Every structure is written in structure tokens, then in C-alpha cells.
Protein backbone atom coordinates (compact mmCIF):
# COMPACT_ATOMS: atom_id res chain seq x y z
CA UNK A 1 133.05 212.48 191.03
CA UNK A 2 135.48 215.10 192.33
CA UNK A 3 135.35 216.53 195.83
CA UNK A 4 133.85 219.83 194.63
CA UNK A 5 130.94 218.02 192.97
CA UNK A 6 130.48 216.03 196.16
CA UNK A 7 130.21 219.24 198.19
CA UNK A 8 127.75 220.70 195.70
CA UNK A 9 125.62 217.55 195.78
CA UNK A 10 125.61 217.55 199.58
CA UNK A 11 124.68 221.24 199.73
CA UNK A 12 121.75 221.06 197.29
CA UNK A 13 120.39 217.64 198.23
CA UNK A 14 117.93 218.40 201.02
CA UNK A 15 114.83 216.85 202.56
CA UNK A 16 112.42 219.61 203.56
CA UNK A 17 109.08 218.98 205.23
CA UNK A 18 107.09 219.03 201.95
CA UNK A 19 109.83 219.13 199.31
CA UNK A 20 112.86 216.99 198.52
CA UNK A 21 115.70 218.22 196.34
CA UNK A 22 118.41 216.09 194.80
CA UNK A 23 121.42 217.33 192.84
CA UNK A 24 122.61 215.04 190.05
CA UNK A 25 126.26 215.99 189.38
CA UNK A 26 126.37 214.08 186.06
CA UNK A 27 124.08 216.59 184.32
CA UNK A 28 124.21 219.28 187.03
CA UNK A 29 120.45 218.80 187.36
CA UNK A 30 118.48 219.83 190.43
CA UNK A 31 115.46 217.54 190.93
CA UNK A 32 112.67 219.17 192.97
CA UNK A 33 110.09 216.66 194.17
CA UNK A 34 106.97 218.06 195.82
CA UNK A 35 105.47 215.95 198.63
CA UNK A 36 102.75 217.92 200.45
CA UNK A 37 100.18 215.97 202.53
CA UNK A 38 97.53 217.02 200.01
CA UNK A 39 98.50 217.84 196.41
CA UNK A 40 98.11 221.63 196.56
CA UNK A 41 100.45 224.54 197.14
CA UNK A 42 100.31 224.65 200.90
CA UNK A 43 102.00 227.53 202.68
CA UNK A 44 104.61 225.10 204.00
CA UNK A 45 105.37 223.76 200.51
CA UNK A 46 105.77 227.31 199.20
CA UNK A 47 108.12 228.13 202.08
CA UNK A 48 110.12 224.98 201.37
CA UNK A 49 110.43 225.87 197.69
CA UNK A 50 111.55 229.38 198.61
CA UNK A 51 114.19 227.94 200.97
CA UNK A 52 115.48 225.66 198.21
CA UNK A 53 115.65 228.61 195.80
CA UNK A 54 117.62 230.63 198.36
CA UNK A 55 120.01 227.71 198.81
CA UNK A 56 120.64 227.52 195.06
CA UNK A 57 121.20 231.29 194.94
CA UNK A 58 123.71 231.04 197.79
CA UNK A 59 125.68 228.37 195.94
CA UNK A 60 125.54 230.24 192.64
CA UNK A 61 126.86 233.42 194.22
CA UNK A 62 129.79 231.50 195.67
CA UNK A 63 130.60 229.08 192.84
CA UNK A 64 128.82 229.84 189.58
CA UNK A 65 130.53 226.96 187.75
CA UNK A 66 128.53 224.52 189.87
CA UNK A 67 125.16 226.17 189.27
CA UNK A 68 122.39 223.76 188.19
CA UNK A 69 122.06 223.54 184.43
CA UNK A 70 118.60 222.01 184.77
CA UNK A 71 115.82 222.50 187.33
CA UNK A 72 113.30 219.65 187.23
CA UNK A 73 109.85 219.75 188.88
CA UNK A 74 107.64 216.77 189.63
CA UNK A 75 105.39 215.34 192.32
CA UNK A 76 105.97 212.22 194.38
CA UNK A 77 102.30 211.38 193.74
CA UNK A 78 101.92 209.56 190.39
CA UNK A 79 98.20 210.36 190.44
CA UNK A 80 98.60 214.13 190.62
CA UNK A 81 101.13 216.86 189.85
CA UNK A 82 99.22 219.55 191.74
CA UNK A 83 95.61 220.65 192.22
CA UNK A 84 96.70 224.28 192.52
CA UNK A 85 96.11 226.79 195.29
CA UNK A 86 95.24 225.63 198.81
CA UNK A 87 91.50 226.26 198.55
CA UNK A 88 90.82 225.10 202.11
CA UNK A 89 93.24 227.70 203.50
CA UNK A 90 91.97 230.38 201.13
CA UNK A 91 88.31 229.77 202.08
CA UNK A 92 89.21 230.14 205.77
CA UNK A 93 90.91 233.47 205.12
CA UNK A 94 88.06 234.73 202.92
CA UNK A 95 85.48 233.81 205.58
CA UNK A 96 87.50 235.75 208.17
CA UNK A 97 88.13 238.63 205.72
CA UNK A 98 91.87 238.20 206.29
CA UNK A 99 93.05 240.34 203.38
CA UNK A 100 96.55 240.72 204.82
CA UNK A 101 97.15 236.98 205.19
CA UNK A 102 95.61 236.30 201.79
CA UNK A 103 98.02 238.85 200.37
CA UNK A 104 100.96 237.12 202.08
CA UNK A 105 99.91 233.74 200.65
CA UNK A 106 99.67 235.20 197.15
CA UNK A 107 103.06 236.86 197.58
CA UNK A 108 104.60 233.48 198.39
CA UNK A 109 102.93 231.92 195.33
CA UNK A 110 104.03 234.67 193.01
CA UNK A 111 107.56 234.78 194.39
CA UNK A 112 108.32 231.09 193.94
CA UNK A 113 106.71 230.86 190.50
CA UNK A 114 108.25 234.06 189.19
CA UNK A 115 111.70 233.11 190.48
CA UNK A 116 111.33 229.80 188.64
CA UNK A 117 110.26 231.66 185.49
CA UNK A 118 113.48 233.66 185.80
CA UNK A 119 115.33 230.32 186.19
CA UNK A 120 116.55 231.43 189.64
CA UNK A 121 118.70 234.01 187.81
CA UNK A 122 120.94 231.13 186.70
CA UNK A 123 122.22 231.55 183.17
CA UNK A 124 122.33 229.35 181.27
CA UNK A 125 119.74 226.96 182.72
CA UNK A 126 116.69 225.02 181.53
CA UNK A 127 113.54 224.24 183.53
CA UNK A 128 111.68 220.94 183.04
CA UNK A 129 108.45 219.52 184.46
CA UNK A 130 106.66 216.17 184.34
CA UNK A 131 102.86 216.19 184.73
CA UNK A 132 101.08 212.99 185.74
CA UNK A 133 97.46 212.32 186.65
CA UNK A 134 96.01 215.78 187.27
CA UNK A 135 97.22 219.37 187.05
CA UNK A 136 94.65 222.02 187.94
CA UNK A 137 94.68 225.79 188.35
CA UNK A 138 97.94 227.17 189.65
CA UNK A 139 99.36 223.64 189.54
CA UNK A 140 98.87 223.57 185.77
CA UNK A 141 100.30 227.07 185.44
CA UNK A 142 103.37 226.12 187.45
CA UNK A 143 103.97 223.06 185.27
CA UNK A 144 103.52 224.60 181.82
CA UNK A 145 105.50 227.73 182.65
CA UNK A 146 108.68 225.61 182.42
CA UNK A 147 110.81 225.40 179.29
CA UNK A 148 110.25 221.70 178.64
CA UNK A 149 106.98 220.06 179.73
CA UNK A 150 106.20 216.35 179.54
CA UNK A 151 102.65 215.09 180.13
CA UNK A 152 101.65 211.50 180.76
CA UNK A 153 98.88 210.10 178.57
CA UNK A 154 95.45 210.47 180.16
CA UNK A 155 96.41 213.44 182.33
CA UNK A 156 93.58 215.88 183.14
CA UNK A 157 94.24 219.62 183.00
CA UNK A 158 91.90 222.54 183.70
CA UNK A 159 91.27 225.73 185.69
CA UNK A 160 88.25 224.68 187.81
CA UNK A 161 88.32 227.66 190.20
CA UNK A 162 86.81 229.81 187.46
CA UNK A 163 83.54 227.95 187.96
CA UNK A 164 83.45 229.26 191.52
CA UNK A 165 84.19 232.91 190.60
CA UNK A 166 87.72 232.59 191.97
CA UNK A 167 90.69 233.49 189.82
CA UNK A 168 92.83 230.34 189.58
CA UNK A 169 96.03 232.09 188.83
CA UNK A 170 99.13 233.27 190.63
CA UNK A 171 99.73 235.80 187.90
CA UNK A 172 101.08 233.55 185.19
CA UNK A 173 97.67 232.98 183.57
CA UNK A 174 98.36 236.23 181.74
CA UNK A 175 101.62 234.71 180.53
CA UNK A 176 99.66 231.71 179.26
CA UNK A 177 97.27 234.02 177.40
CA UNK A 178 100.25 235.63 175.68
CA UNK A 179 101.45 232.23 174.54
CA UNK A 180 98.08 231.36 172.96
CA UNK A 181 96.51 234.71 171.89
CA UNK A 182 94.13 233.17 169.33
CA UNK A 183 93.79 229.58 170.49
CA UNK A 184 90.57 227.61 170.88
CA UNK A 185 92.00 226.65 174.28
CA UNK A 186 90.84 230.02 175.61
CA UNK A 187 87.19 229.01 175.60
CA UNK A 188 87.92 225.91 177.69
CA UNK A 189 90.09 227.91 180.08
CA UNK A 190 87.46 230.59 180.67
CA UNK A 191 84.73 227.98 181.25
CA UNK A 192 86.83 225.82 183.58
CA UNK A 193 86.57 222.84 181.22
CA UNK A 194 89.13 220.12 180.70
CA UNK A 195 91.90 221.17 178.33
CA UNK A 196 92.87 218.83 175.53
CA UNK A 197 96.47 217.75 176.10
CA UNK A 198 96.73 217.12 172.33
CA UNK A 199 95.81 220.77 171.78
CA UNK A 200 98.27 221.86 174.49
CA UNK A 201 100.97 220.04 172.57
CA UNK A 202 99.82 221.51 169.24
CA UNK A 203 100.02 225.02 170.72
CA UNK A 204 103.58 224.35 171.90
CA UNK A 205 102.72 224.48 175.61
CA UNK A 206 103.97 220.95 176.19
CA UNK A 207 106.89 219.13 174.62
CA UNK A 208 105.55 215.60 174.45
CA UNK A 209 102.67 213.37 175.55
CA UNK A 210 104.31 210.36 177.16
CA UNK A 211 102.94 206.80 177.37
CA UNK A 212 102.86 205.46 180.95
CA UNK A 213 105.48 202.88 180.02
CA UNK A 214 107.99 205.65 179.18
CA UNK A 215 107.34 208.04 182.08
CA UNK A 216 110.20 206.82 184.25
CA UNK A 217 112.77 207.40 181.51
CA UNK A 218 111.51 210.48 179.68
CA UNK A 219 113.44 213.11 181.67
CA UNK A 220 116.65 211.09 181.68
CA UNK A 221 116.36 210.67 177.90
CA UNK A 222 115.71 214.39 177.54
CA UNK A 223 118.81 215.31 179.56
CA UNK A 224 120.92 212.86 177.59
CA UNK A 225 119.68 214.35 174.32
CA UNK A 226 120.04 218.07 175.02
CA UNK A 227 123.03 218.05 177.36
CA UNK A 228 125.68 218.19 174.59
CA UNK A 229 123.99 221.37 173.29
CA UNK A 230 122.84 222.68 176.67
CA UNK A 231 124.10 226.25 176.25
CA UNK A 232 122.44 226.92 172.91
CA UNK A 233 119.15 225.33 174.05
CA UNK A 234 119.16 227.41 177.25
CA UNK A 235 119.60 230.66 175.33
CA UNK A 236 116.86 229.74 172.86
CA UNK A 237 114.42 229.01 175.70
CA UNK A 238 115.45 232.18 177.48
CA UNK A 239 114.85 234.37 174.42
CA UNK A 240 111.53 232.65 173.77
CA UNK A 241 110.26 233.44 177.27
CA UNK A 242 111.69 236.97 177.42
CA UNK A 243 108.97 238.42 175.21
CA UNK A 244 106.26 236.82 177.36
CA UNK A 245 107.63 237.81 180.77
CA UNK A 246 105.40 239.72 183.16
CA UNK A 247 106.57 242.90 184.82
CA UNK A 248 106.45 243.41 188.61
CA UNK A 249 103.79 246.08 188.00
CA UNK A 250 101.59 243.57 186.11
CA UNK A 251 101.96 241.03 188.92
CA UNK A 252 100.98 243.62 191.53
CA UNK A 253 97.94 244.65 189.48
CA UNK A 254 96.88 241.03 189.21
CA UNK A 255 97.34 240.41 192.93
CA UNK A 256 95.07 243.35 193.79
CA UNK A 257 92.49 242.14 191.28
CA UNK A 258 92.64 238.61 192.77
CA UNK A 259 92.20 239.90 196.33
CA UNK A 260 89.27 242.14 195.41
CA UNK A 261 87.54 239.29 193.55
CA UNK A 262 88.12 236.76 196.35
CA UNK A 263 86.92 239.03 199.13
CA UNK A 264 83.78 240.00 197.21
CA UNK A 265 82.54 236.40 196.81
CA UNK A 266 78.97 235.90 198.04
CA UNK A 267 77.68 233.19 200.38
CA UNK A 268 76.78 230.79 197.55
CA UNK A 269 80.26 231.03 196.01
CA UNK A 270 81.95 230.45 199.36
CA UNK A 271 79.69 227.45 200.03
CA UNK A 272 80.68 225.94 196.67
CA UNK A 273 84.36 226.62 197.39
CA UNK A 274 84.03 224.83 200.75
CA UNK A 275 82.69 221.81 198.91
CA UNK A 276 85.62 222.00 196.51
CA UNK A 277 88.04 222.33 199.43
CA UNK A 278 86.59 219.18 201.01
CA UNK A 279 87.14 217.27 197.78
CA UNK A 280 90.74 218.50 197.57
CA UNK A 281 91.38 217.61 201.21
CA UNK A 282 90.12 214.08 200.56
CA UNK A 283 92.44 213.69 197.60
CA UNK A 284 95.23 212.37 199.80
CA UNK A 285 98.78 212.50 198.53
CA UNK A 286 99.34 208.75 198.49
CA UNK A 287 100.16 206.76 195.35
CA UNK A 288 97.87 203.89 196.35
CA UNK A 289 94.81 206.10 196.80
CA UNK A 290 93.04 207.68 193.84
CA UNK A 291 90.55 210.53 194.01
CA UNK A 292 87.50 208.34 193.95
CA UNK A 293 85.11 206.59 196.28
CA UNK A 294 83.57 203.45 194.75
CA UNK A 295 84.52 204.76 191.30
CA UNK A 296 82.91 208.19 191.76
CA UNK A 297 85.12 211.28 191.76
CA UNK A 298 85.30 213.15 195.07
CA UNK A 299 86.16 216.41 193.31
CA UNK A 300 82.79 218.14 192.69
CA UNK A 301 83.68 219.77 189.38
CA UNK A 302 84.58 216.33 187.94
CA UNK A 303 81.06 214.97 188.48
CA UNK A 304 79.29 216.86 185.71
CA UNK A 305 80.75 214.94 182.79
CA UNK A 306 82.92 217.77 181.51
CA UNK A 307 86.13 216.36 182.97
């Protein structure tokens, strides 16, 4: 490894409070490993992701030849990629009618996800994600908005917030709808039911369903396979996503719609959301602890047999 690669690795390899990044100079791949105390998009995690994105942008502006060719997203929790928005925090803000702070939280969500959709303005680059265990709401959106998506067998995916009259999205749900305009997945999405990962693969939203025995090697094998043709793959993925991209105006319209819907929730909806928030809080981000107590799920929407 030459000295320039060493400097690049040192600059991009960082340990934030709720995010770790590691730069692999062999493939010029930036690994982004989320490690929040609970598997949701906390404000701190979003701030950490934004800081990492700024750091990449700083390097790219100075030395474009060392820009990451791949940006890889995964969780340090093998039981869960992400359960989506921080419902506990959102419920607190809704109860206090804190529209301004809710707006700031959404801005953070939209910024980090949209910047990732734009591949951090790095051309050519390819985004990759690995989903294990559970991916709900905005967590699922974040994962499947990448170019290449791997899903472990048995993973559960859904948009449960819909059941509580809360929009689950950070704006990219509209992008998902554009990808599957006539799919039978829509009915499951709108009812907050579990999504079939086989159907997700059939619709082209995920690359491959991976057996547990292959999870540790799947991304490495992917990099090894596509790296010799990285440039052509990156342009193909870029052109594919260009037609689906959301405009800033569309994102703003969605944010206003989300805020209006959230702040108009009635007492019963908020009470249900508090119960959901408690379940999410109890789903601790620890690989030895699953989301169950004596075999029964602690997430309320998983207790009705639909998930």
C-alpha cells in the first residue's frame, strides 16, 4: 500500500459515537457500520452519518482519484439492520407540538438519505447494503435505495408505522413506488404487512437472498466480481436511478405532508405509537439479545400473526 493510500485510509477510517467507517484501499470501498444504542435512526446517528459524508466530500474535492468506488452500509447488530425512524423521539415532539424540531429531524433524515442516493456526488461509485434480521420503515427504505442490496434469509421487512397513521418515509417511499408501479407489493406496503423478500427480489429491489452461512462473504465476493468492470457497472446503476430520482420540490412537499399528518394524530394514535416506541426501545442493539421475551415479540405490530 503506498503512502497516499495510507493517508486516505487514515482520513476516512473513523469511529464516531454511533457510526464506524473503514476505508478498504484494495477496492477503494468505504464501509459504514451503524451502531446506535437502539436500532433506529437516532439524531446522533444521523449527525454522525452527515459528518462522514462531509469527510468524504472533503477528500474528494482535494484528491478525486482516491474517492471511494463503493459505499457499503450495514449494521453491527446481526439481528437488525434498522427499525426506521426514532419513534420515541418523534412521539415526544408530537406530544409537545414541536413542529420546528420535528422539521429539523426530518431534514437530517432526508439529507443523509438523499446524499446517499446521489452517491455523495462521487462519480463513478456504487452503493451496497446488507440487510439482516429486520428492516422496517425508513430503515428498509434506506437499505433498498442502494444500488446493490443483499438480504439474509429469514429477514423481515415492512412499513409498520402506517398502521399507526404515521407516514414511515423520509421521502424515498415515493421513489420505491416508482420502482414498482404495478406490483402486488403495494398492497402489503399500504397495510403495513410483512413484505415477501422473494417478491422484493423478483421486482428487482434486492440483488440476492443470502443463506446465513454466506453472509460474511457476500459483499467481499460482490466486490471481487464487479471490481474489474466497476466503471461500466457504476454508470449503469447511475442511469437506472436517474429516472427515479426525486426533486428537491417533491421532497419538500413530502416533508410538509409528513409534518401535517404527524401533528394531527389523535390521542389513540399517539397512545399506540408510545407502545410501539416502548417496543423499539426494548429492542436493544446487542447481538446476544433478540427482540423477544420468553419467545414472544416485544414489538406490538409483530404480535398479530401478520409478521
